[in-house]
Amino acid sequence: MSDALGPCRCCGRHVRIDEHRCPFCGKTWLLGAAAAAGIFLGSPSIAAPAPDARMVASDQDQDYGVQRKASENEVKAAVWMWDNVILDWKAGLGLSDVPKSWAAFKPGTQVTYKITEGAATVNLAFRLSKVTEKAATVGLWLGPDNQEKELVLGGAIPSDAKVVGERKEEVELDGKKYSCVVKSYEWPGREITIWTCGDVKGGLVKIEQPKETVRLVKTEELTVAGKKRTCAVWETVYGETKITEWRAEGVPGLVVKRTEATKDKVTRTLEVAAINEAK
């Protein structure tokens, strides 16, 4: 029996590639190494087989591709994704709606992202592995390593935050003016001002911190993984860096497109390449 390991097509747990049944979820399969690598590293050229399909590996790479050492570009992209997209730019403020967006789907749902930086392009697939009343757990399979992070549901502004200012202010969105409540908060190590409006979907309109401003600028329709979606377009300005994000409800993680630019030169882009929803 071979000691080489591969990810189960159905639950993602690692099992011997010459087994025909997953000991964790009970599904039967026979998945070649090249196919396993393609599915979990996001290759669009290899489709995942049905749970009981047979894929003979005789004409495929016999080395278990996913066990190869992850490239420097893949590791760099993965770290950036965790810190800036999966964990979300509002997570530290208790305002993130990203965990709730993942928790709306069944475990096994997977989103594949295409990240381009300079001449390098990589695909990374993130999968929802567990949902509880308090958190959604999202995993990334990269090389032999399985990384998971718990996204806490129901966050809120910290209880020790003090309101140090409150006013009303009009903002313009899609050519229409909205009246916002503007509150400034302080708590140990943080100062933040938040614009909210009950007439805007989601309620949040703008966040301002020292040296950083995040604001909702417009709505725009994009085709995401073959489906048209109405996106909220957010713009973040931090020093000379401008980040633009397109966020769509009904998509795990919300972010469907993201660009980073310095002095009008785009340095990194992200796009959702595929959404595979578990049934």
Protein backbone atom coordinates (compact mmCIF):
# COMPACT_ATOMS: atom_id res chain seq x y z
CA MET A 1 0.00 0.00 0.00
CA SER A 2 1.30 3.45 -0.91
CA ASP A 3 2.14 5.97 1.82
CA ALA A 4 1.42 8.92 -0.49
CA LEU A 5 -1.45 11.12 0.64
CA GLY A 6 -4.12 13.02 -1.27
CA PRO A 7 -7.16 15.15 -0.36
CA CYS A 8 -10.60 13.54 -0.40
CA ARG A 9 -12.72 15.08 -3.16
CA CYS A 10 -15.67 15.40 -0.76
CA CYS A 11 -14.40 16.41 2.69
CA GLY A 12 -10.83 17.54 1.93
CA ARG A 13 -9.21 15.35 4.59
CA HIS A 14 -5.94 13.68 3.58
CA VAL A 15 -6.05 9.94 2.85
CA ARG A 16 -3.86 7.42 1.00
CA ILE A 17 -4.17 7.97 -2.75
CA ASP A 18 -4.52 4.23 -3.46
CA GLU A 19 -7.55 3.90 -1.16
CA HIS A 20 -10.97 3.87 -2.79
CA ARG A 21 -12.98 5.03 0.22
CA CYS A 22 -12.47 8.00 2.55
CA PRO A 23 -12.33 6.82 6.18
CA PHE A 24 -13.63 10.21 7.34
CA CYS A 25 -16.73 10.88 5.21
CA GLY A 26 -17.25 7.42 3.67
CA LYS A 27 -17.31 8.56 0.03
CA THR A 28 -15.65 6.36 -2.60
CA TRP A 29 -13.19 7.71 -5.15
CA LEU A 30 -9.91 7.09 -6.91
CA LEU A 31 -8.17 10.35 -7.62
CA GLY A 32 -4.94 10.69 -9.53
CA ALA A 33 -2.16 12.88 -8.17
CA ALA A 34 -2.26 15.44 -10.98
CA ALA A 35 -6.02 15.81 -10.62
CA ALA A 36 -5.73 16.29 -6.86
CA ALA A 37 -3.11 18.98 -7.31
CA GLY A 38 -5.20 20.73 -9.94
CA ILE A 39 -8.37 20.79 -7.88
CA PHE A 40 -6.83 22.04 -4.66
CA LEU A 41 -4.41 24.50 -6.25
CA GLY A 42 -7.22 25.85 -8.39
CA SER A 43 -6.30 24.69 -11.90
CA PRO A 44 -9.25 25.40 -14.21
CA SER A 45 -8.18 22.64 -16.61
CA ILE A 46 -8.99 19.73 -14.27
CA ALA A 47 -12.55 19.24 -13.04
CA ALA A 48 -13.36 17.54 -9.77
CA PRO A 49 -14.89 14.08 -10.30
CA ALA A 50 -18.26 13.03 -8.92
CA PRO A 51 -18.01 11.26 -5.52
CA ASP A 52 -18.18 7.75 -7.02
CA ALA A 53 -16.31 8.44 -10.27
CA ARG A 54 -13.12 6.51 -11.08
CA MET A 55 -10.05 8.33 -12.42
CA VAL A 56 -7.21 5.97 -13.25
CA ALA A 57 -3.79 7.47 -12.50
CA SER A 58 -1.75 5.27 -14.85
CA ASP A 59 -1.05 8.08 -17.34
CA GLN A 60 -0.73 10.81 -14.71
CA ASP A 61 2.11 12.05 -12.57
CA GLN A 62 2.62 9.40 -9.92
CA ASP A 63 4.13 11.88 -7.48
CA TYR A 64 1.47 13.39 -5.25
CA GLY A 65 1.51 16.92 -6.61
CA VAL A 66 -0.02 18.62 -3.58
CA GLN A 67 2.89 17.39 -1.44
CA ARG A 68 5.42 19.39 -3.41
CA LYS A 69 6.88 22.37 -1.59
CA ALA A 70 4.69 25.43 -2.14
CA SER A 71 6.34 28.08 -4.29
CA GLU A 72 7.48 31.39 -2.86
CA ASN A 73 4.72 33.16 -4.82
CA GLU A 74 2.03 30.82 -3.45
CA VAL A 75 3.18 31.29 0.15
CA LYS A 76 3.36 35.05 -0.29
CA ALA A 77 -0.11 35.15 -1.84
CA ALA A 78 -1.56 32.92 0.89
CA VAL A 79 -0.22 35.11 3.70
CA TRP A 80 -1.56 38.21 1.97
CA MET A 81 -4.97 36.60 1.41
CA TRP A 82 -5.35 35.59 5.07
CA ASP A 83 -4.34 38.99 6.39
CA ASN A 84 -6.10 41.26 3.90
CA VAL A 85 -9.05 39.42 2.34
CA ILE A 86 -10.17 36.40 4.37
CA LEU A 87 -9.78 38.15 7.74
CA ASP A 88 -11.19 41.38 6.26
CA TRP A 89 -10.26 45.03 6.75
CA LYS A 90 -12.99 45.58 9.38
CA ALA A 91 -12.30 42.45 11.44
CA GLY A 92 -10.20 44.21 14.06
CA LEU A 93 -12.96 46.76 14.58
CA GLY A 94 -15.70 44.24 15.28
CA LEU A 95 -17.59 45.38 12.17
CA SER A 96 -16.78 42.54 9.77
CA ASP A 97 -19.61 40.86 7.87
CA VAL A 98 -17.22 38.37 6.23
CA PRO A 99 -17.72 35.56 8.81
CA LYS A 100 -21.50 35.79 8.37
CA SER A 101 -21.11 35.56 4.59
CA TRP A 102 -19.19 32.26 4.90
CA ALA A 103 -21.57 30.91 7.56
CA ALA A 104 -24.51 31.27 5.16
CA PHE A 105 -23.13 28.32 3.14
CA LYS A 106 -22.75 24.62 3.83
CA PRO A 107 -19.35 23.15 4.80
CA GLY A 108 -17.49 22.06 1.68
CA THR A 109 -18.24 25.29 -0.20
CA GLN A 110 -15.08 26.49 -1.91
CA VAL A 111 -13.98 29.77 -3.50
CA THR A 112 -10.97 29.91 -5.83
CA TYR A 113 -9.17 33.23 -6.20
CA LYS A 114 -6.77 34.34 -8.93
CA ILE A 115 -4.07 36.66 -7.56
CA THR A 116 -1.72 38.53 -9.88
CA GLU A 117 1.31 40.51 -8.77
CA GLY A 118 3.67 41.72 -11.48
CA ALA A 119 4.41 38.77 -13.77
CA ALA A 120 3.36 36.17 -11.17
CA THR A 121 -0.14 34.68 -11.06
CA VAL A 122 -1.35 32.04 -8.59
CA ASN A 123 -4.70 30.42 -7.81
CA LEU A 124 -5.66 29.72 -4.21
CA ALA A 125 -8.75 27.76 -3.12
CA PHE A 126 -10.30 28.45 0.28
CA ARG A 127 -12.89 26.03 1.65
CA LEU A 128 -15.45 26.31 4.42
CA SER A 129 -14.84 23.36 6.74
CA LYS A 130 -17.09 24.04 9.73
CA VAL A 131 -19.87 26.35 10.94
CA THR A 132 -20.94 26.73 14.56
CA GLU A 133 -23.14 29.23 16.37
CA LYS A 134 -20.07 31.32 17.13
CA ALA A 135 -17.73 30.95 14.15
CA ALA A 136 -17.10 29.84 10.58
CA THR A 137 -13.84 27.96 9.95
CA VAL A 138 -12.16 28.42 6.57
CA GLY A 139 -9.24 26.28 5.36
CA LEU A 140 -6.54 26.54 2.71
CA TRP A 141 -4.76 23.49 1.26
CA LEU A 142 -1.34 24.53 -0.01
CA GLY A 143 1.30 21.88 -0.54
CA PRO A 144 1.14 19.33 2.29
CA ASP A 145 0.00 21.98 4.76
CA ASN A 146 -3.60 22.47 5.84
CA GLN A 147 -4.19 25.91 7.32
CA GLU A 148 -7.48 26.88 8.92
CA LYS A 149 -8.67 30.07 10.54
CA GLU A 150 -11.74 30.62 12.67
CA LEU A 151 -13.82 33.65 11.69
CA VAL A 152 -15.83 34.76 14.72
CA LEU A 153 -19.50 35.61 14.17
CA GLY A 154 -21.34 38.52 15.73
CA GLY A 155 -18.49 40.93 16.43
CA ALA A 156 -19.09 44.41 17.80
CA ILE A 157 -17.26 47.59 18.74
CA PRO A 158 -15.32 46.75 21.96
CA SER A 159 -17.26 47.40 25.16
CA ASP A 160 -14.49 49.64 26.50
CA ALA A 161 -14.75 51.97 23.49
CA LYS A 162 -15.88 55.49 24.44
CA VAL A 163 -17.92 57.74 22.17
CA VAL A 164 -15.97 61.02 22.06
CA GLY A 165 -17.97 62.75 19.35
CA GLU A 166 -21.26 62.46 17.45
CA ARG A 167 -22.77 64.46 14.58
CA LYS A 168 -24.75 64.15 11.35
CA GLU A 169 -23.29 64.56 7.88
CA GLU A 170 -24.48 64.13 4.31
CA VAL A 171 -22.55 61.86 1.93
CA GLU A 172 -23.10 61.21 -1.76
CA LEU A 173 -23.42 57.72 -3.22
CA ASP A 174 -24.38 56.93 -6.82
CA GLY A 175 -25.42 60.55 -7.30
CA LYS A 176 -27.77 60.53 -4.30
CA LYS A 177 -27.22 62.22 -0.95
CA TYR A 178 -27.67 60.29 2.29
CA SER A 179 -27.83 61.57 5.87
CA CYS A 180 -25.33 59.70 8.05
CA VAL A 181 -24.75 59.42 11.77
CA VAL A 182 -21.05 60.01 12.46
CA LYS A 183 -19.58 58.68 15.71
CA SER A 184 -15.98 58.95 16.91
CA TYR A 185 -14.65 56.30 19.28
CA GLU A 186 -11.57 55.86 21.42
CA TRP A 187 -10.32 52.77 23.22
CA PRO A 188 -6.83 51.64 24.23
CA GLY A 189 -4.59 51.94 21.19
CA ARG A 190 -7.37 52.91 18.75
CA GLU A 191 -9.12 55.99 17.43
CA ILE A 192 -11.84 55.58 14.84
CA THR A 193 -14.72 57.48 13.27
CA ILE A 194 -17.61 55.59 11.67
CA TRP A 195 -20.28 56.84 9.26
CA THR A 196 -23.53 54.82 9.22
CA CYS A 197 -26.83 55.25 7.41
CA GLY A 198 -29.99 53.17 7.74
CA ASP A 199 -30.95 53.87 4.13
CA VAL A 200 -27.77 52.24 2.74
CA LYS A 201 -27.64 48.45 2.47
CA GLY A 202 -25.43 47.10 5.23
CA GLY A 203 -25.57 50.42 7.07
CA LEU A 204 -21.83 51.13 6.96
CA VAL A 205 -20.68 53.99 4.73
CA LYS A 206 -17.22 55.12 5.86
CA ILE A 207 -14.46 54.32 8.37
CA GLU A 208 -11.69 56.75 9.23
CA GLN A 209 -8.58 55.94 11.27
CA PRO A 210 -5.27 57.77 11.63
CA LYS A 211 -3.63 57.69 8.16
CA GLU A 212 -6.38 55.52 6.67
CA THR A 213 -9.83 56.14 5.18
CA VAL A 214 -12.21 53.42 3.94
CA ARG A 215 -15.37 54.52 2.15
CA LEU A 216 -18.22 53.21 0.05
CA VAL A 217 -18.01 55.00 -3.30
CA LYS A 218 -20.65 53.42 -5.56
CA THR A 219 -22.43 50.27 -6.66
CA GLU A 220 -21.48 48.45 -9.85
CA GLU A 221 -22.53 45.29 -11.68
CA LEU A 222 -19.83 42.71 -12.36
CA THR A 223 -19.85 39.21 -13.82
CA VAL A 224 -18.42 36.94 -11.13
CA ALA A 225 -17.71 33.28 -11.94
CA GLY A 226 -20.18 33.48 -14.83
CA LYS A 227 -22.96 35.23 -12.88
CA LYS A 228 -23.87 38.91 -12.85
CA ARG A 229 -23.82 40.42 -9.36
CA THR A 230 -24.43 43.88 -7.94
CA CYS A 231 -21.33 44.92 -6.02
CA ALA A 232 -20.66 47.57 -3.41
CA VAL A 233 -17.39 49.28 -4.38
CA TRP A 234 -15.17 50.27 -1.45
CA GLU A 235 -12.07 52.44 -1.63
CA THR A 236 -9.29 52.49 0.94
CA VAL A 237 -6.60 55.18 0.96
CA TYR A 238 -3.52 54.57 3.07
CA GLY A 239 -0.65 56.95 2.35
CA GLU A 240 0.10 56.65 -1.36
CA THR A 241 -1.67 53.28 -1.66
CA LYS A 242 -5.23 53.02 -2.92
CA ILE A 243 -7.17 49.78 -2.59
CA THR A 244 -10.44 49.21 -4.42
CA GLU A 245 -12.69 46.28 -3.49
CA TRP A 246 -15.85 45.00 -5.14
CA ARG A 247 -18.04 43.19 -2.59
CA ALA A 248 -21.13 41.16 -3.43
CA GLU A 249 -23.68 39.68 -1.08
CA GLY A 250 -24.34 35.99 -1.58
CA VAL A 251 -20.63 35.24 -2.13
CA PRO A 252 -18.54 33.54 0.60
CA GLY A 253 -16.04 36.13 1.83
CA LEU A 254 -17.87 38.93 -0.04
CA VAL A 255 -14.80 40.19 -1.95
CA VAL A 256 -15.08 39.30 -5.66
CA LYS A 257 -12.44 41.69 -7.00
CA ARG A 258 -9.66 43.78 -5.50
CA THR A 259 -6.96 46.05 -6.91
CA GLU A 260 -4.04 47.70 -5.15
CA ALA A 261 -2.32 50.68 -6.73
CA THR A 262 0.46 53.12 -5.89
CA LYS A 263 0.60 56.41 -7.79
CA ASP A 264 -1.88 55.06 -10.36
CA LYS A 265 0.20 51.93 -11.00
CA VAL A 266 -1.64 48.69 -10.20
CA THR A 267 0.64 46.44 -8.13
CA ARG A 268 -1.68 43.55 -7.27
CA THR A 269 -5.09 42.27 -8.39
CA LEU A 270 -7.47 39.62 -7.13
CA GLU A 271 -10.50 38.10 -8.82
CA VAL A 272 -12.84 35.26 -7.91
CA ALA A 273 -12.22 32.53 -10.48
CA ALA A 274 -14.75 29.95 -9.29
CA ILE A 275 -17.39 29.37 -6.62
CA ASN A 276 -18.22 25.73 -5.85
CA GLU A 277 -21.18 25.65 -3.49
CA ALA A 278 -21.74 22.52 -1.41
CA LYS A 279 -25.24 21.08 -1.69
